[in-house]
Amino acid sequence: MDKKQKTKETKGRSILVPFLLSGLAGAGIALLLAPKSGKELRKDVKHAASKTGEKVASTIRESRNAVTEALVAGKQAFLEERDRQIKAA
């Protein structure tokens, strides 16, 4: 995978997180303003909180994987360049 493609993926992820969080905030506000009974509202809030937790955990896992991949790629590039410099010397 080339650098341009990785950069596009990283930018896509960085835009996705705020978009998801703002969507969840909007959903929470809509729940609070909806004409429902307290019992129904608590159930909806509990469900929304559960979904939010799952999405946050998923985003953290994806971010961790992306960082790990970047570290591995950086280490590999460093080693290759170091070897190339040693051979050239």
N, C-alpha and C. Protein backbone atom coordinates (compact mmCIF):
# COMPACT_ATOMS: atom_id res chain seq x y z
N MET A 1 0.85 -1.17 0.00
CA MET A 1 0.00 0.00 0.00
C MET A 1 0.89 1.24 0.00
N ASP A 2 0.63 2.18 -0.88
CA ASP A 2 1.51 3.35 -0.97
C ASP A 2 1.09 4.43 0.03
N LYS A 3 1.96 5.45 0.16
CA LYS A 3 1.75 6.48 1.17
C LYS A 3 0.49 7.30 0.92
N LYS A 4 0.20 7.59 -0.35
CA LYS A 4 -0.99 8.39 -0.66
C LYS A 4 -2.26 7.68 -0.23
N GLN A 5 -2.31 6.38 -0.46
CA GLN A 5 -3.49 5.61 -0.10
C GLN A 5 -3.65 5.56 1.42
N LYS A 6 -2.55 5.38 2.16
CA LYS A 6 -2.61 5.36 3.61
C LYS A 6 -3.06 6.71 4.14
N THR A 7 -2.58 7.79 3.54
CA THR A 7 -2.96 9.13 3.98
C THR A 7 -4.45 9.34 3.79
N LYS A 8 -4.99 8.88 2.67
CA LYS A 8 -6.43 9.03 2.43
C LYS A 8 -7.23 8.25 3.47
N GLU A 9 -6.79 7.04 3.82
CA GLU A 9 -7.48 6.25 4.82
C GLU A 9 -7.43 6.94 6.18
N THR A 10 -6.30 7.49 6.54
CA THR A 10 -6.14 8.17 7.82
C THR A 10 -7.05 9.39 7.88
N LYS A 11 -7.11 10.15 6.80
CA LYS A 11 -7.97 11.32 6.78
C LYS A 11 -9.44 10.91 6.89
N GLY A 12 -9.80 9.81 6.24
CA GLY A 12 -11.17 9.32 6.32
C GLY A 12 -11.55 8.95 7.74
N ARG A 13 -10.63 8.32 8.47
CA ARG A 13 -10.89 7.95 9.85
C ARG A 13 -10.99 9.17 10.73
N SER A 14 -10.13 10.16 10.51
CA SER A 14 -10.14 11.34 11.36
C SER A 14 -11.43 12.15 11.17
N ILE A 15 -12.03 12.06 10.02
CA ILE A 15 -13.30 12.76 9.77
C ILE A 15 -14.46 11.94 10.32
N LEU A 16 -14.34 10.64 10.30
CA LEU A 16 -15.42 9.76 10.72
C LEU A 16 -15.72 9.88 12.21
N VAL A 17 -14.70 9.97 13.04
CA VAL A 17 -14.90 10.01 14.48
C VAL A 17 -15.74 11.21 14.92
N PRO A 18 -15.38 12.45 14.54
CA PRO A 18 -16.23 13.58 14.95
C PRO A 18 -17.65 13.48 14.37
N PHE A 19 -17.75 12.94 13.17
CA PHE A 19 -19.07 12.79 12.56
C PHE A 19 -19.93 11.84 13.39
N LEU A 20 -19.37 10.71 13.80
CA LEU A 20 -20.11 9.75 14.62
C LEU A 20 -20.49 10.34 15.98
N LEU A 21 -19.53 11.03 16.60
CA LEU A 21 -19.80 11.61 17.91
C LEU A 21 -20.89 12.68 17.85
N SER A 22 -20.85 13.52 16.82
CA SER A 22 -21.89 14.55 16.70
C SER A 22 -23.25 13.92 16.41
N GLY A 23 -23.25 12.84 15.62
CA GLY A 23 -24.50 12.14 15.36
C GLY A 23 -25.09 11.54 16.63
N LEU A 24 -24.22 10.98 17.45
CA LEU A 24 -24.68 10.41 18.72
C LEU A 24 -25.18 11.49 19.67
N ALA A 25 -24.52 12.62 19.69
CA ALA A 25 -24.97 13.73 20.54
C ALA A 25 -26.35 14.21 20.07
N GLY A 26 -26.52 14.31 18.76
CA GLY A 26 -27.82 14.71 18.22
C GLY A 26 -28.91 13.72 18.56
N ALA A 27 -28.57 12.44 18.51
CA ALA A 27 -29.55 11.41 18.86
C ALA A 27 -29.93 11.51 20.33
N GLY A 28 -28.94 11.79 21.18
CA GLY A 28 -29.22 11.94 22.61
C GLY A 28 -30.13 13.12 22.89
N ILE A 29 -29.88 14.23 22.21
CA ILE A 29 -30.74 15.41 22.38
C ILE A 29 -32.16 15.11 21.90
N ALA A 30 -32.26 14.41 20.78
CA ALA A 30 -33.59 14.07 20.25
C ALA A 30 -34.34 13.18 21.24
N LEU A 31 -33.63 12.26 21.87
CA LEU A 31 -34.28 11.41 22.86
C LEU A 31 -34.81 12.22 24.04
N LEU A 32 -34.01 13.17 24.50
CA LEU A 32 -34.42 13.98 25.64
C LEU A 32 -35.60 14.89 25.32
N LEU A 33 -35.71 15.30 24.07
CA LEU A 33 -36.80 16.20 23.68
C LEU A 33 -38.04 15.45 23.18
N ALA A 34 -37.94 14.16 23.01
CA ALA A 34 -39.07 13.37 22.50
C ALA A 34 -40.15 13.24 23.58
N PRO A 35 -41.42 13.29 23.17
CA PRO A 35 -42.51 13.16 24.14
C PRO A 35 -42.74 11.68 24.51
N LYS A 36 -41.95 11.18 25.45
CA LYS A 36 -42.07 9.80 25.88
C LYS A 36 -42.19 9.77 27.40
N SER A 37 -42.64 8.63 27.89
CA SER A 37 -42.68 8.46 29.34
C SER A 37 -41.26 8.30 29.86
N GLY A 38 -41.10 8.50 31.16
CA GLY A 38 -39.78 8.37 31.77
C GLY A 38 -39.19 6.98 31.59
N LYS A 39 -40.02 5.96 31.71
CA LYS A 39 -39.56 4.58 31.58
C LYS A 39 -39.05 4.32 30.16
N GLU A 40 -39.81 4.77 29.15
CA GLU A 40 -39.39 4.60 27.76
C GLU A 40 -38.11 5.39 27.48
N LEU A 41 -38.04 6.60 28.02
CA LEU A 41 -36.87 7.44 27.80
C LEU A 41 -35.62 6.82 28.41
N ARG A 42 -35.74 6.31 29.64
CA ARG A 42 -34.59 5.66 30.28
C ARG A 42 -34.13 4.45 29.47
N LYS A 43 -35.07 3.70 28.95
CA LYS A 43 -34.73 2.54 28.12
C LYS A 43 -33.98 2.99 26.87
N ASP A 44 -34.47 4.04 26.22
CA ASP A 44 -33.83 4.55 25.01
C ASP A 44 -32.43 5.09 25.31
N VAL A 45 -32.29 5.81 26.43
CA VAL A 45 -30.99 6.36 26.80
C VAL A 45 -30.01 5.23 27.09
N LYS A 46 -30.46 4.21 27.78
CA LYS A 46 -29.61 3.06 28.09
C LYS A 46 -29.15 2.37 26.81
N HIS A 47 -30.06 2.22 25.87
CA HIS A 47 -29.73 1.60 24.59
C HIS A 47 -28.72 2.45 23.82
N ALA A 48 -28.94 3.76 23.79
CA ALA A 48 -28.03 4.67 23.08
C ALA A 48 -26.65 4.65 23.72
N ALA A 49 -26.60 4.61 25.05
CA ALA A 49 -25.31 4.57 25.74
C ALA A 49 -24.57 3.28 25.43
N SER A 50 -25.29 2.19 25.36
CA SER A 50 -24.68 0.90 25.04
C SER A 50 -24.09 0.93 23.63
N LYS A 51 -24.86 1.45 22.68
CA LYS A 51 -24.37 1.55 21.30
C LYS A 51 -23.15 2.46 21.21
N THR A 52 -23.18 3.56 21.96
CA THR A 52 -22.07 4.50 21.96
C THR A 52 -20.80 3.83 22.48
N GLY A 53 -20.93 3.09 23.57
CA GLY A 53 -19.79 2.38 24.12
C GLY A 53 -19.19 1.40 23.13
N GLU A 54 -20.05 0.70 22.42
CA GLU A 54 -19.58 -0.25 21.41
C GLU A 54 -18.84 0.47 20.28
N LYS A 55 -19.38 1.61 19.84
CA LYS A 55 -18.74 2.36 18.75
C LYS A 55 -17.41 2.94 19.19
N VAL A 56 -17.34 3.44 20.41
CA VAL A 56 -16.08 3.99 20.92
C VAL A 56 -15.03 2.89 21.01
N ALA A 57 -15.42 1.74 21.53
CA ALA A 57 -14.48 0.62 21.64
C ALA A 57 -14.00 0.19 20.26
N SER A 58 -14.89 0.16 19.29
CA SER A 58 -14.53 -0.21 17.92
C SER A 58 -13.56 0.80 17.32
N THR A 59 -13.82 2.08 17.55
CA THR A 59 -12.95 3.14 17.03
C THR A 59 -11.57 3.05 17.66
N ILE A 60 -11.52 2.76 18.95
CA ILE A 60 -10.22 2.62 19.63
C ILE A 60 -9.45 1.44 19.07
N ARG A 61 -10.14 0.32 18.84
CA ARG A 61 -9.46 -0.86 18.25
C ARG A 61 -8.91 -0.53 16.87
N GLU A 62 -9.72 0.14 16.05
CA GLU A 62 -9.28 0.50 14.69
C GLU A 62 -8.08 1.44 14.75
N SER A 63 -8.12 2.41 15.66
CA SER A 63 -7.02 3.36 15.79
C SER A 63 -5.75 2.65 16.26
N ARG A 64 -5.90 1.74 17.21
CA ARG A 64 -4.75 0.99 17.70
C ARG A 64 -4.13 0.17 16.58
N ASN A 65 -4.97 -0.46 15.77
CA ASN A 65 -4.47 -1.25 14.64
C ASN A 65 -3.75 -0.35 13.63
N ALA A 66 -4.29 0.81 13.36
CA ALA A 66 -3.67 1.73 12.40
C ALA A 66 -2.31 2.20 12.91
N VAL A 67 -2.22 2.49 14.20
CA VAL A 67 -0.95 2.93 14.77
C VAL A 67 0.07 1.80 14.72
N THR A 68 -0.37 0.59 15.04
CA THR A 68 0.53 -0.57 14.99
C THR A 68 1.05 -0.78 13.57
N GLU A 69 0.17 -0.70 12.59
CA GLU A 69 0.58 -0.86 11.20
C GLU A 69 1.58 0.23 10.79
N ALA A 70 1.32 1.46 11.23
CA ALA A 70 2.23 2.57 10.90
C ALA A 70 3.60 2.36 11.53
N LEU A 71 3.62 1.88 12.75
CA LEU A 71 4.90 1.62 13.42
C LEU A 71 5.69 0.52 12.71
N VAL A 72 5.00 -0.54 12.33
CA VAL A 72 5.66 -1.64 11.62
C VAL A 72 6.21 -1.15 10.29
N ALA A 73 5.41 -0.39 9.55
CA ALA A 73 5.85 0.13 8.26
C ALA A 73 7.03 1.09 8.43
N GLY A 74 6.97 1.93 9.46
CA GLY A 74 8.08 2.86 9.71
C GLY A 74 9.36 2.13 10.07
N LYS A 75 9.24 1.12 10.90
CA LYS A 75 10.42 0.34 11.29
C LYS A 75 11.02 -0.36 10.07
N GLN A 76 10.15 -0.93 9.23
CA GLN A 76 10.62 -1.62 8.04
C GLN A 76 11.33 -0.64 7.10
N ALA A 77 10.74 0.54 6.90
CA ALA A 77 11.36 1.54 6.03
C ALA A 77 12.71 1.98 6.59
N PHE A 78 12.78 2.17 7.91
CA PHE A 78 14.04 2.56 8.54
C PHE A 78 15.11 1.50 8.31
N LEU A 79 14.76 0.23 8.56
CA LEU A 79 15.74 -0.85 8.40
C LEU A 79 16.21 -0.97 6.95
N GLU A 80 15.28 -0.84 6.01
CA GLU A 80 15.65 -0.92 4.60
C GLU A 80 16.59 0.22 4.22
N GLU A 81 16.29 1.43 4.67
CA GLU A 81 17.13 2.58 4.35
C GLU A 81 18.49 2.45 5.03
N ARG A 82 18.50 1.98 6.27
CA ARG A 82 19.77 1.79 6.97
C ARG A 82 20.65 0.79 6.22
N ASP A 83 20.05 -0.34 5.79
CA ASP A 83 20.80 -1.33 5.04
C ASP A 83 21.33 -0.77 3.72
N ARG A 84 20.49 0.04 3.07
CA ARG A 84 20.90 0.65 1.81
C ARG A 84 22.08 1.60 2.04
N GLN A 85 22.04 2.36 3.11
CA GLN A 85 23.13 3.28 3.42
C GLN A 85 24.42 2.53 3.78
N ILE A 86 24.27 1.42 4.48
CA ILE A 86 25.45 0.62 4.85
C ILE A 86 26.10 0.05 3.60
N LYS A 87 25.29 -0.44 2.69
CA LYS A 87 25.84 -1.01 1.44
C LYS A 87 26.49 0.07 0.59
N ALA A 88 25.95 1.28 0.62
CA ALA A 88 26.50 2.36 -0.20
C ALA A 88 27.83 2.88 0.36
N ALA A 89 28.04 2.70 1.65
CA ALA A 89 29.25 3.24 2.29
C ALA A 89 30.46 2.40 2.06
